[in-house]
Amino acid sequence: MFDKWRVKYAIVFMDAVHFHVRQDNQPVKKAVY
């Protein structure tokens, strides 16, 4: 995903969004990071 040179970031925002989804016919909560 990143180019082959070493990458530096001024700021990185990190968070998760939570969803209720079906897994094996059961409702479960998943997080998208």
PDB file of all heavy atoms in Angstrom:
ATOM      1  N   MET A   1       0.821  -1.189   0.000  1.00  0.00           N
ATOM      2  CA  MET A   1       0.000   0.000   0.000  1.00  0.00           C
ATOM      3  C   MET A   1       0.872   1.262   0.000  1.00  0.00           C
ATOM      4  O   MET A   1       0.554   2.227  -0.656  1.00  0.00           O
ATOM      5  CB  MET A   1      -0.932  -0.029   1.212  1.00  0.00           C
ATOM      6  CG  MET A   1      -1.740   1.219   1.383  1.00  0.00           C
ATOM      7  SD  MET A   1      -2.920   1.009   2.703  1.00  0.00           S
ATOM      8  CE  MET A   1      -4.222   1.954   2.032  1.00  0.00           C
ATOM      9  N   PHE A   2       1.947   1.248   0.769  1.00  0.00           N
ATOM     10  CA  PHE A   2       2.835   2.406   0.826  1.00  0.00           C
ATOM     11  C   PHE A   2       3.972   2.193  -0.168  1.00  0.00           C
ATOM     12  O   PHE A   2       4.309   1.075  -0.497  1.00  0.00           O
ATOM     13  CB  PHE A   2       3.416   2.581   2.239  1.00  0.00           C
ATOM     14  CG  PHE A   2       2.357   2.650   3.292  1.00  0.00           C
ATOM     15  CD1 PHE A   2       2.212   1.636   4.214  1.00  0.00           C
ATOM     16  CD2 PHE A   2       1.488   3.725   3.360  1.00  0.00           C
ATOM     17  CE1 PHE A   2       1.239   1.694   5.183  1.00  0.00           C
ATOM     18  CE2 PHE A   2       0.510   3.787   4.321  1.00  0.00           C
ATOM     19  CZ  PHE A   2       0.380   2.773   5.234  1.00  0.00           C
ATOM     20  N   ASP A   3       4.565   3.302  -0.625  1.00  0.00           N
ATOM     21  CA  ASP A   3       5.698   3.112  -1.522  1.00  0.00           C
ATOM     22  C   ASP A   3       6.891   2.555  -0.744  1.00  0.00           C
ATOM     23  O   ASP A   3       6.879   2.497   0.470  1.00  0.00           O
ATOM     24  CB  ASP A   3       6.046   4.410  -2.261  1.00  0.00           C
ATOM     25  CG  ASP A   3       6.006   5.659  -1.403  1.00  0.00           C
ATOM     26  OD1 ASP A   3       6.264   5.570  -0.193  1.00  0.00           O
ATOM     27  OD2 ASP A   3       5.717   6.705  -1.954  1.00  0.00           O
ATOM     28  N   LYS A   4       7.904   2.143  -1.480  1.00  0.00           N
ATOM     29  CA  LYS A   4       9.001   1.424  -0.833  1.00  0.00           C
ATOM     30  C   LYS A   4       9.878   2.296   0.056  1.00  0.00           C
ATOM     31  O   LYS A   4      10.692   1.788   0.798  1.00  0.00           O
ATOM     32  CB  LYS A   4       9.841   0.704  -1.879  1.00  0.00           C
ATOM     33  CG  LYS A   4      10.411   1.589  -2.951  1.00  0.00           C
ATOM     34  CD  LYS A   4      11.068   0.744  -4.018  1.00  0.00           C
ATOM     35  CE  LYS A   4      11.363   1.605  -5.222  1.00  0.00           C
ATOM     36  NZ  LYS A   4      11.812   0.828  -6.333  1.00  0.00           N
ATOM     37  N   TRP A   5       9.758   3.629  -0.027  1.00  0.00           N
ATOM     38  CA  TRP A   5      10.520   4.494   0.855  1.00  0.00           C
ATOM     39  C   TRP A   5       9.842   4.581   2.195  1.00  0.00           C
ATOM     40  O   TRP A   5       8.629   4.412   2.316  1.00  0.00           O
ATOM     41  CB  TRP A   5      10.645   5.891   0.237  1.00  0.00           C
ATOM     42  CG  TRP A   5      11.382   5.820  -1.062  1.00  0.00           C
ATOM     43  CD1 TRP A   5      12.726   5.698  -1.237  1.00  0.00           C
ATOM     44  CD2 TRP A   5      10.806   5.824  -2.363  1.00  0.00           C
ATOM     45  NE1 TRP A   5      13.030   5.628  -2.568  1.00  0.00           N
ATOM     46  CE2 TRP A   5      11.864   5.711  -3.288  1.00  0.00           C
ATOM     47  CE3 TRP A   5       9.512   5.911  -2.848  1.00  0.00           C
ATOM     48  CZ2 TRP A   5      11.663   5.681  -4.653  1.00  0.00           C
ATOM     49  CZ3 TRP A   5       9.313   5.876  -4.209  1.00  0.00           C
ATOM     50  CH2 TRP A   5      10.382   5.765  -5.090  1.00  0.00           C
ATOM     51  N   ARG A   6      10.608   4.867   3.192  1.00  0.00           N
ATOM     52  CA  ARG A   6      10.067   4.996   4.541  1.00  0.00           C
ATOM     53  C   ARG A   6       9.156   6.219   4.597  1.00  0.00           C
ATOM     54  O   ARG A   6       9.516   7.295   4.141  1.00  0.00           O
ATOM     55  CB  ARG A   6      11.195   5.117   5.557  1.00  0.00           C
ATOM     56  CG  ARG A   6      12.170   3.953   5.534  1.00  0.00           C
ATOM     57  CD  ARG A   6      11.521   2.606   5.674  1.00  0.00           C
ATOM     58  NE  ARG A   6      11.136   2.362   7.048  1.00  0.00           N
ATOM     59  CZ  ARG A   6      10.497   1.291   7.459  1.00  0.00           C
ATOM     60  NH1 ARG A   6      10.164   0.367   6.620  1.00  0.00           N
ATOM     61  NH2 ARG A   6      10.192   1.146   8.711  1.00  0.00           N
ATOM     62  N   VAL A   7       7.965   6.066   5.153  1.00  0.00           N
ATOM     63  CA  VAL A   7       6.952   7.113   5.162  1.00  0.00           C
ATOM     64  C   VAL A   7       6.835   7.707   6.561  1.00  0.00           C
ATOM     65  O   VAL A   7       6.888   6.998   7.564  1.00  0.00           O
ATOM     66  CB  VAL A   7       5.579   6.537   4.723  1.00  0.00           C
ATOM     67  CG1 VAL A   7       4.521   7.613   4.709  1.00  0.00           C
ATOM     68  CG2 VAL A   7       5.696   5.874   3.365  1.00  0.00           C
ATOM     69  N   LYS A   8       6.665   9.040   6.606  1.00  0.00           N
ATOM     70  CA  LYS A   8       6.445   9.740   7.876  1.00  0.00           C
ATOM     71  C   LYS A   8       5.138  10.510   7.775  1.00  0.00           C
ATOM     72  O   LYS A   8       4.811  11.060   6.731  1.00  0.00           O
ATOM     73  CB  LYS A   8       7.596  10.704   8.161  1.00  0.00           C
ATOM     74  CG  LYS A   8       8.923  10.002   8.378  1.00  0.00           C
ATOM     75  CD  LYS A   8      10.032  10.975   8.692  1.00  0.00           C
ATOM     76  CE  LYS A   8      11.330  10.206   8.886  1.00  0.00           C
ATOM     77  NZ  LYS A   8      12.432  11.067   9.266  1.00  0.00           N
ATOM     78  N   TYR A   9       4.410  10.540   8.886  1.00  0.00           N
ATOM     79  CA  TYR A   9       3.136  11.248   8.924  1.00  0.00           C
ATOM     80  C   TYR A   9       3.159  12.321  10.007  1.00  0.00           C
ATOM     81  O   TYR A   9       3.662  12.086  11.107  1.00  0.00           O
ATOM     82  CB  TYR A   9       1.985  10.274   9.199  1.00  0.00           C
ATOM     83  CG  TYR A   9       1.666   9.427   7.997  1.00  0.00           C
ATOM     84  CD1 TYR A   9       2.281   8.201   7.815  1.00  0.00           C
ATOM     85  CD2 TYR A   9       0.777   9.878   7.031  1.00  0.00           C
ATOM     86  CE1 TYR A   9       2.009   7.429   6.696  1.00  0.00           C
ATOM     87  CE2 TYR A   9       0.505   9.117   5.906  1.00  0.00           C
ATOM     88  CZ  TYR A   9       1.127   7.899   5.750  1.00  0.00           C
ATOM     89  OH  TYR A   9       0.861   7.154   4.638  1.00  0.00           O
ATOM     90  N   ALA A  10       2.596  13.472   9.663  1.00  0.00           N
ATOM     91  CA  ALA A  10       2.461  14.545  10.650  1.00  0.00           C
ATOM     92  C   ALA A  10       1.424  14.143  11.689  1.00  0.00           C
ATOM     93  O   ALA A  10       1.624  14.324  12.888  1.00  0.00           O
ATOM     94  CB  ALA A  10       2.062  15.854   9.966  1.00  0.00           C
ATOM     95  N   ILE A  11       0.291  13.613  11.221  1.00  0.00           N
ATOM     96  CA  ILE A  11      -0.775  13.186  12.134  1.00  0.00           C
ATOM     97  C   ILE A  11      -1.492  11.987  11.547  1.00  0.00           C
ATOM     98  O   ILE A  11      -1.659  11.878  10.335  1.00  0.00           O
ATOM     99  CB  ILE A  11      -1.763  14.337  12.436  1.00  0.00           C
ATOM    100  CG1 ILE A  11      -2.757  13.934  13.523  1.00  0.00           C
ATOM    101  CG2 ILE A  11      -2.459  14.822  11.179  1.00  0.00           C
ATOM    102  CD1 ILE A  11      -3.510  15.098  14.148  1.00  0.00           C
ATOM    103  N   VAL A  12      -1.879  11.084  12.430  1.00  0.00           N
ATOM    104  CA  VAL A  12      -2.683   9.927  12.043  1.00  0.00           C
ATOM    105  C   VAL A  12      -3.895   9.880  12.965  1.00  0.00           C
ATOM    106  O   VAL A  12      -3.756   9.972  14.187  1.00  0.00           O
ATOM    107  CB  VAL A  12      -1.878   8.607  12.138  1.00  0.00           C
ATOM    108  CG1 VAL A  12      -2.785   7.397  11.929  1.00  0.00           C
ATOM    109  CG2 VAL A  12      -0.744   8.600  11.128  1.00  0.00           C
ATOM    110  N   PHE A  13      -5.068   9.770  12.346  1.00  0.00           N
ATOM    111  CA  PHE A  13      -6.320   9.643  13.088  1.00  0.00           C
ATOM    112  C   PHE A  13      -6.689   8.166  13.114  1.00  0.00           C
ATOM    113  O   PHE A  13      -6.715   7.514  12.062  1.00  0.00           O
ATOM    114  CB  PHE A  13      -7.440  10.437  12.406  1.00  0.00           C
ATOM    115  CG  PHE A  13      -7.170  11.907  12.350  1.00  0.00           C
ATOM    116  CD1 PHE A  13      -6.516  12.466  11.260  1.00  0.00           C
ATOM    117  CD2 PHE A  13      -7.558  12.741  13.394  1.00  0.00           C
ATOM    118  CE1 PHE A  13      -6.250  13.826  11.205  1.00  0.00           C
ATOM    119  CE2 PHE A  13      -7.288  14.103  13.345  1.00  0.00           C
ATOM    120  CZ  PHE A  13      -6.641  14.639  12.252  1.00  0.00           C
ATOM    121  N   MET A  14      -6.971   7.652  14.315  1.00  0.00           N
ATOM    122  CA  MET A  14      -7.326   6.246  14.449  1.00  0.00           C
ATOM    123  C   MET A  14      -8.613   6.141  15.266  1.00  0.00           C
ATOM    124  O   MET A  14      -8.714   6.716  16.350  1.00  0.00           O
ATOM    125  CB  MET A  14      -6.196   5.485  15.146  1.00  0.00           C
ATOM    126  CG  MET A  14      -4.862   5.614  14.426  1.00  0.00           C
ATOM    127  SD  MET A  14      -3.553   4.692  15.218  1.00  0.00           S
ATOM    128  CE  MET A  14      -3.630   3.226  14.224  1.00  0.00           C
ATOM    129  N   ASP A  15      -9.571   5.406  14.709  1.00  0.00           N
ATOM    130  CA  ASP A  15     -10.833   5.217  15.408  1.00  0.00           C
ATOM    131  C   ASP A  15     -11.500   3.959  14.874  1.00  0.00           C
ATOM    132  O   ASP A  15     -11.096   3.419  13.847  1.00  0.00           O
ATOM    133  CB  ASP A  15     -11.742   6.438  15.210  1.00  0.00           C
ATOM    134  CG  ASP A  15     -12.830   6.555  16.283  1.00  0.00           C
ATOM    135  OD1 ASP A  15     -12.871   5.711  17.214  1.00  0.00           O
ATOM    136  OD2 ASP A  15     -13.638   7.495  16.203  1.00  0.00           O
ATOM    137  N   ALA A  16     -12.517   3.510  15.575  1.00  0.00           N
ATOM    138  CA  ALA A  16     -13.275   2.340  15.139  1.00  0.00           C
ATOM    139  C   ALA A  16     -14.753   2.716  15.050  1.00  0.00           C
ATOM    140  O   ALA A  16     -15.249   3.514  15.836  1.00  0.00           O
ATOM    141  CB  ALA A  16     -13.087   1.177  16.111  1.00  0.00           C
ATOM    142  N   VAL A  17     -15.416   2.141  14.067  1.00  0.00           N
ATOM    143  CA  VAL A  17     -16.851   2.296  13.891  1.00  0.00           C
ATOM    144  C   VAL A  17     -17.461   0.926  14.156  1.00  0.00           C
ATOM    145  O   VAL A  17     -16.961  -0.091  13.657  1.00  0.00           O
ATOM    146  CB  VAL A  17     -17.191   2.770  12.461  1.00  0.00           C
ATOM    147  CG1 VAL A  17     -18.684   2.947  12.290  1.00  0.00           C
ATOM    148  CG2 VAL A  17     -16.450   4.048  12.125  1.00  0.00           C
ATOM    149  N   HIS A  18     -18.523   0.901  14.946  1.00  0.00           N
ATOM    150  CA  HIS A  18     -19.115  -0.373  15.359  1.00  0.00           C
ATOM    151  C   HIS A  18     -20.394  -0.664  14.584  1.00  0.00           C
ATOM    152  O   HIS A  18     -21.220   0.221  14.386  1.00  0.00           O
ATOM    153  CB  HIS A  18     -19.393  -0.349  16.865  1.00  0.00           C
ATOM    154  CG  HIS A  18     -18.157  -0.071  17.655  1.00  0.00           C
ATOM    155  ND1 HIS A  18     -17.331  -1.065  18.095  1.00  0.00           N
ATOM    156  CD2 HIS A  18     -17.586   1.090  18.047  1.00  0.00           C
ATOM    157  CE1 HIS A  18     -16.307  -0.533  18.731  1.00  0.00           C
ATOM    158  NE2 HIS A  18     -16.432   0.781  18.709  1.00  0.00           N
ATOM    159  N   PHE A  19     -20.541  -1.920  14.166  1.00  0.00           N
ATOM    160  CA  PHE A  19     -21.695  -2.361  13.393  1.00  0.00           C
ATOM    161  C   PHE A  19     -22.231  -3.663  13.969  1.00  0.00           C
ATOM    162  O   PHE A  19     -21.469  -4.480  14.486  1.00  0.00           O
ATOM    163  CB  PHE A  19     -21.310  -2.623  11.922  1.00  0.00           C
ATOM    164  CG  PHE A  19     -20.854  -1.408  11.188  1.00  0.00           C
ATOM    165  CD1 PHE A  19     -19.501  -1.129  11.056  1.00  0.00           C
ATOM    166  CD2 PHE A  19     -21.776  -0.543  10.609  1.00  0.00           C
ATOM    167  CE1 PHE A  19     -19.067  -0.007  10.375  1.00  0.00           C
ATOM    168  CE2 PHE A  19     -21.348   0.584   9.922  1.00  0.00           C
ATOM    169  CZ  PHE A  19     -20.001   0.851   9.807  1.00  0.00           C
ATOM    170  N   HIS A  20     -23.537  -3.851  13.841  1.00  0.00           N
ATOM    171  CA  HIS A  20     -24.144  -5.145  14.133  1.00  0.00           C
ATOM    172  C   HIS A  20     -24.298  -5.865  12.795  1.00  0.00           C
ATOM    173  O   HIS A  20     -24.886  -5.317  11.863  1.00  0.00           O
ATOM    174  CB  HIS A  20     -25.511  -4.976  14.817  1.00  0.00           C
ATOM    175  CG  HIS A  20     -25.391  -4.548  16.237  1.00  0.00           C
ATOM    176  ND1 HIS A  20     -25.363  -3.225  16.618  1.00  0.00           N
ATOM    177  CD2 HIS A  20     -25.260  -5.282  17.367  1.00  0.00           C
ATOM    178  CE1 HIS A  20     -25.233  -3.153  17.927  1.00  0.00           C
ATOM    179  NE2 HIS A  20     -25.170  -4.383  18.407  1.00  0.00           N
ATOM    180  N   VAL A  21     -23.733  -7.065  12.716  1.00  0.00           N
ATOM    181  CA  VAL A  21     -23.783  -7.850  11.483  1.00  0.00           C
ATOM    182  C   VAL A  21     -24.196  -9.283  11.816  1.00  0.00           C
ATOM    183  O   VAL A  21     -24.177  -9.697  12.970  1.00  0.00           O
ATOM    184  CB  VAL A  21     -22.420  -7.845  10.750  1.00  0.00           C
ATOM    185  CG1 VAL A  21     -22.026  -6.456  10.306  1.00  0.00           C
ATOM    186  CG2 VAL A  21     -21.333  -8.463  11.612  1.00  0.00           C
ATOM    187  N   ARG A  22     -24.559 -10.030  10.777  1.00  0.00           N
ATOM    188  CA  ARG A  22     -24.892 -11.441  10.964  1.00  0.00           C
ATOM    189  C   ARG A  22     -23.663 -12.285  10.661  1.00  0.00           C
ATOM    190  O   ARG A  22     -23.012 -12.119   9.644  1.00  0.00           O
ATOM    191  CB  ARG A  22     -26.025 -11.855  10.037  1.00  0.00           C
ATOM    192  CG  ARG A  22     -27.372 -11.388  10.493  1.00  0.00           C
ATOM    193  CD  ARG A  22     -28.452 -12.241   9.801  1.00  0.00           C
ATOM    194  NE  ARG A  22     -29.714 -12.250  10.467  1.00  0.00           N
ATOM    195  CZ  ARG A  22     -29.987 -12.779  11.651  1.00  0.00           C
ATOM    196  NH1 ARG A  22     -29.037 -13.333  12.334  1.00  0.00           N
ATOM    197  NH2 ARG A  22     -31.186 -12.762  12.162  1.00  0.00           N
ATOM    198  N   GLN A  23     -23.385 -13.203  11.581  1.00  0.00           N
ATOM    199  CA  GLN A  23     -22.280 -14.144  11.397  1.00  0.00           C
ATOM    200  C   GLN A  23     -22.788 -15.501  11.856  1.00  0.00           C
ATOM    201  O   GLN A  23     -23.214 -15.636  13.005  1.00  0.00           O
ATOM    202  CB  GLN A  23     -21.064 -13.707  12.212  1.00  0.00           C
ATOM    203  CG  GLN A  23     -19.868 -14.615  12.055  1.00  0.00           C
ATOM    204  CD  GLN A  23     -18.662 -14.070  12.799  1.00  0.00           C
ATOM    205  OE1 GLN A  23     -18.430 -12.872  12.848  1.00  0.00           O
ATOM    206  NE2 GLN A  23     -17.896 -14.961  13.386  1.00  0.00           N
ATOM    207  N   ASP A  24     -22.772 -16.480  10.970  1.00  0.00           N
ATOM    208  CA  ASP A  24     -23.316 -17.812  11.278  1.00  0.00           C
ATOM    209  C   ASP A  24     -24.758 -17.716  11.767  1.00  0.00           C
ATOM    210  O   ASP A  24     -25.134 -18.338  12.759  1.00  0.00           O
ATOM    211  CB  ASP A  24     -22.438 -18.530  12.314  1.00  0.00           C
ATOM    212  CG  ASP A  24     -21.008 -18.719  11.838  1.00  0.00           C
ATOM    213  OD1 ASP A  24     -20.818 -18.957  10.621  1.00  0.00           O
ATOM    214  OD2 ASP A  24     -20.093 -18.619  12.672  1.00  0.00           O
ATOM    215  N   ASN A  25     -25.550 -16.891  11.090  1.00  0.00           N
ATOM    216  CA  ASN A  25     -26.968 -16.670  11.415  1.00  0.00           C
ATOM    217  C   ASN A  25     -27.200 -16.093  12.807  1.00  0.00           C
ATOM    218  O   ASN A  25     -28.287 -16.206  13.356  1.00  0.00           O
ATOM    219  CB  ASN A  25     -27.791 -17.959  11.235  1.00  0.00           C
ATOM    220  CG  ASN A  25     -28.045 -18.251   9.783  1.00  0.00           C
ATOM    221  OD1 ASN A  25     -28.133 -17.332   8.964  1.00  0.00           O
ATOM    222  ND2 ASN A  25     -28.162 -19.523   9.449  1.00  0.00           N
ATOM    223  N   GLN A  26     -26.188 -15.475  13.373  1.00  0.00           N
ATOM    224  CA  GLN A  26     -26.309 -14.842  14.686  1.00  0.00           C
ATOM    225  C   GLN A  26     -25.899 -13.376  14.568  1.00  0.00           C
ATOM    226  O   GLN A  26     -24.914 -13.064  13.903  1.00  0.00           O
ATOM    227  CB  GLN A  26     -25.385 -15.530  15.717  1.00  0.00           C
ATOM    228  CG  GLN A  26     -25.713 -16.973  15.990  1.00  0.00           C
ATOM    229  CD  GLN A  26     -27.023 -17.132  16.724  1.00  0.00           C
ATOM    230  OE1 GLN A  26     -27.381 -16.330  17.572  1.00  0.00           O
ATOM    231  NE2 GLN A  26     -27.765 -18.178  16.380  1.00  0.00           N
ATOM    232  N   PRO A  27     -26.647 -12.476  15.235  1.00  0.00           N
ATOM    233  CA  PRO A  27     -26.203 -11.075  15.221  1.00  0.00           C
ATOM    234  C   PRO A  27     -24.989 -10.897  16.138  1.00  0.00           C
ATOM    235  O   PRO A  27     -24.992 -11.366  17.275  1.00  0.00           O
ATOM    236  CB  PRO A  27     -27.418 -10.304  15.750  1.00  0.00           C
ATOM    237  CG  PRO A  27     -28.206 -11.309  16.524  1.00  0.00           C
ATOM    238  CD  PRO A  27     -27.906 -12.664  15.942  1.00  0.00           C
ATOM    239  N   VAL A  28     -23.948 -10.281  15.603  1.00  0.00           N
ATOM    240  CA  VAL A  28     -22.737 -10.013  16.386  1.00  0.00           C
ATOM    241  C   VAL A  28     -22.300  -8.568  16.141  1.00  0.00           C
ATOM    242  O   VAL A  28     -22.653  -7.969  15.131  1.00  0.00           O
ATOM    243  CB  VAL A  28     -21.577 -10.981  16.030  1.00  0.00           C
ATOM    244  CG1 VAL A  28     -21.910 -12.396  16.404  1.00  0.00           C
ATOM    245  CG2 VAL A  28     -21.208 -10.874  14.571  1.00  0.00           C
ATOM    246  N   LYS A  29     -21.540  -8.059  17.070  1.00  0.00           N
ATOM    247  CA  LYS A  29     -21.020  -6.702  16.936  1.00  0.00           C
ATOM    248  C   LYS A  29     -19.592  -6.789  16.408  1.00  0.00           C
ATOM    249  O   LYS A  29     -18.771  -7.545  16.944  1.00  0.00           O
ATOM    250  CB  LYS A  29     -21.056  -6.002  18.297  1.00  0.00           C
ATOM    251  CG  LYS A  29     -20.847  -4.530  18.243  1.00  0.00           C
ATOM    252  CD  LYS A  29     -21.071  -3.921  19.632  1.00  0.00           C
ATOM    253  CE  LYS A  29     -20.903  -2.429  19.590  1.00  0.00           C
ATOM    254  NZ  LYS A  29     -21.108  -1.819  20.908  1.00  0.00           N
ATOM    255  N   LYS A  30     -19.318  -6.034  15.364  1.00  0.00           N
ATOM    256  CA  LYS A  30     -17.975  -5.978  14.778  1.00  0.00           C
ATOM    257  C   LYS A  30     -17.509  -4.532  14.756  1.00  0.00           C
ATOM    258  O   LYS A  30     -18.306  -3.607  14.651  1.00  0.00           O
ATOM    259  CB  LYS A  30     -17.974  -6.514  13.341  1.00  0.00           C
ATOM    260  CG  LYS A  30     -18.267  -7.982  13.208  1.00  0.00           C
ATOM    261  CD  LYS A  30     -17.056  -8.799  13.536  1.00  0.00           C
ATOM    262  CE  LYS A  30     -17.316 -10.269  13.246  1.00  0.00           C
ATOM    263  NZ  LYS A  30     -16.152 -11.075  13.495  1.00  0.00           N
ATOM    264  N   ALA A  31     -16.218  -4.359  14.831  1.00  0.00           N
ATOM    265  CA  ALA A  31     -15.624  -3.024  14.746  1.00  0.00           C
ATOM    266  C   ALA A  31     -14.822  -2.926  13.461  1.00  0.00           C
ATOM    267  O   ALA A  31     -14.091  -3.852  13.107  1.00  0.00           O
ATOM    268  CB  ALA A  31     -14.716  -2.768  15.950  1.00  0.00           C
ATOM    269  N   VAL A  32     -14.989  -1.813  12.761  1.00  0.00           N
ATOM    270  CA  VAL A  32     -14.148  -1.515  11.609  1.00  0.00           C
ATOM    271  C   VAL A  32     -13.135  -0.483  12.085  1.00  0.00           C
ATOM    272  O   VAL A  32     -13.497   0.638  12.431  1.00  0.00           O
ATOM    273  CB  VAL A  32     -14.967  -0.981  10.414  1.00  0.00           C
ATOM    274  CG1 VAL A  32     -14.037  -0.619   9.258  1.00  0.00           C
ATOM    275  CG2 VAL A  32     -16.011  -1.995   9.974  1.00  0.00           C
ATOM    276  N   TYR A  33     -11.887  -0.903  12.158  1.00  0.00           N
ATOM    277  CA  TYR A  33     -10.796  -0.047  12.606  1.00  0.00           C
ATOM    278  C   TYR A  33     -10.287   0.736  11.404  1.00  0.00           C
ATOM    279  O   TYR A  33     -10.022   0.152  10.362  1.00  0.00           O
ATOM    280  CB  TYR A  33      -9.659  -0.893  13.179  1.00  0.00           C
ATOM    281  CG  TYR A  33     -10.035  -1.673  14.420  1.00  0.00           C
ATOM    282  CD1 TYR A  33     -10.807  -2.824  14.350  1.00  0.00           C
ATOM    283  CD2 TYR A  33      -9.598  -1.254  15.663  1.00  0.00           C
ATOM    284  CE1 TYR A  33     -11.136  -3.534  15.490  1.00  0.00           C
ATOM    285  CE2 TYR A  33      -9.917  -1.964  16.810  1.00  0.00           C
ATOM    286  CZ  TYR A  33     -10.687  -3.103  16.711  1.00  0.00           C
ATOM    287  OH  TYR A  33     -11.026  -3.795  17.849  1.00  0.00           O
TER     288      TYR A  33
END
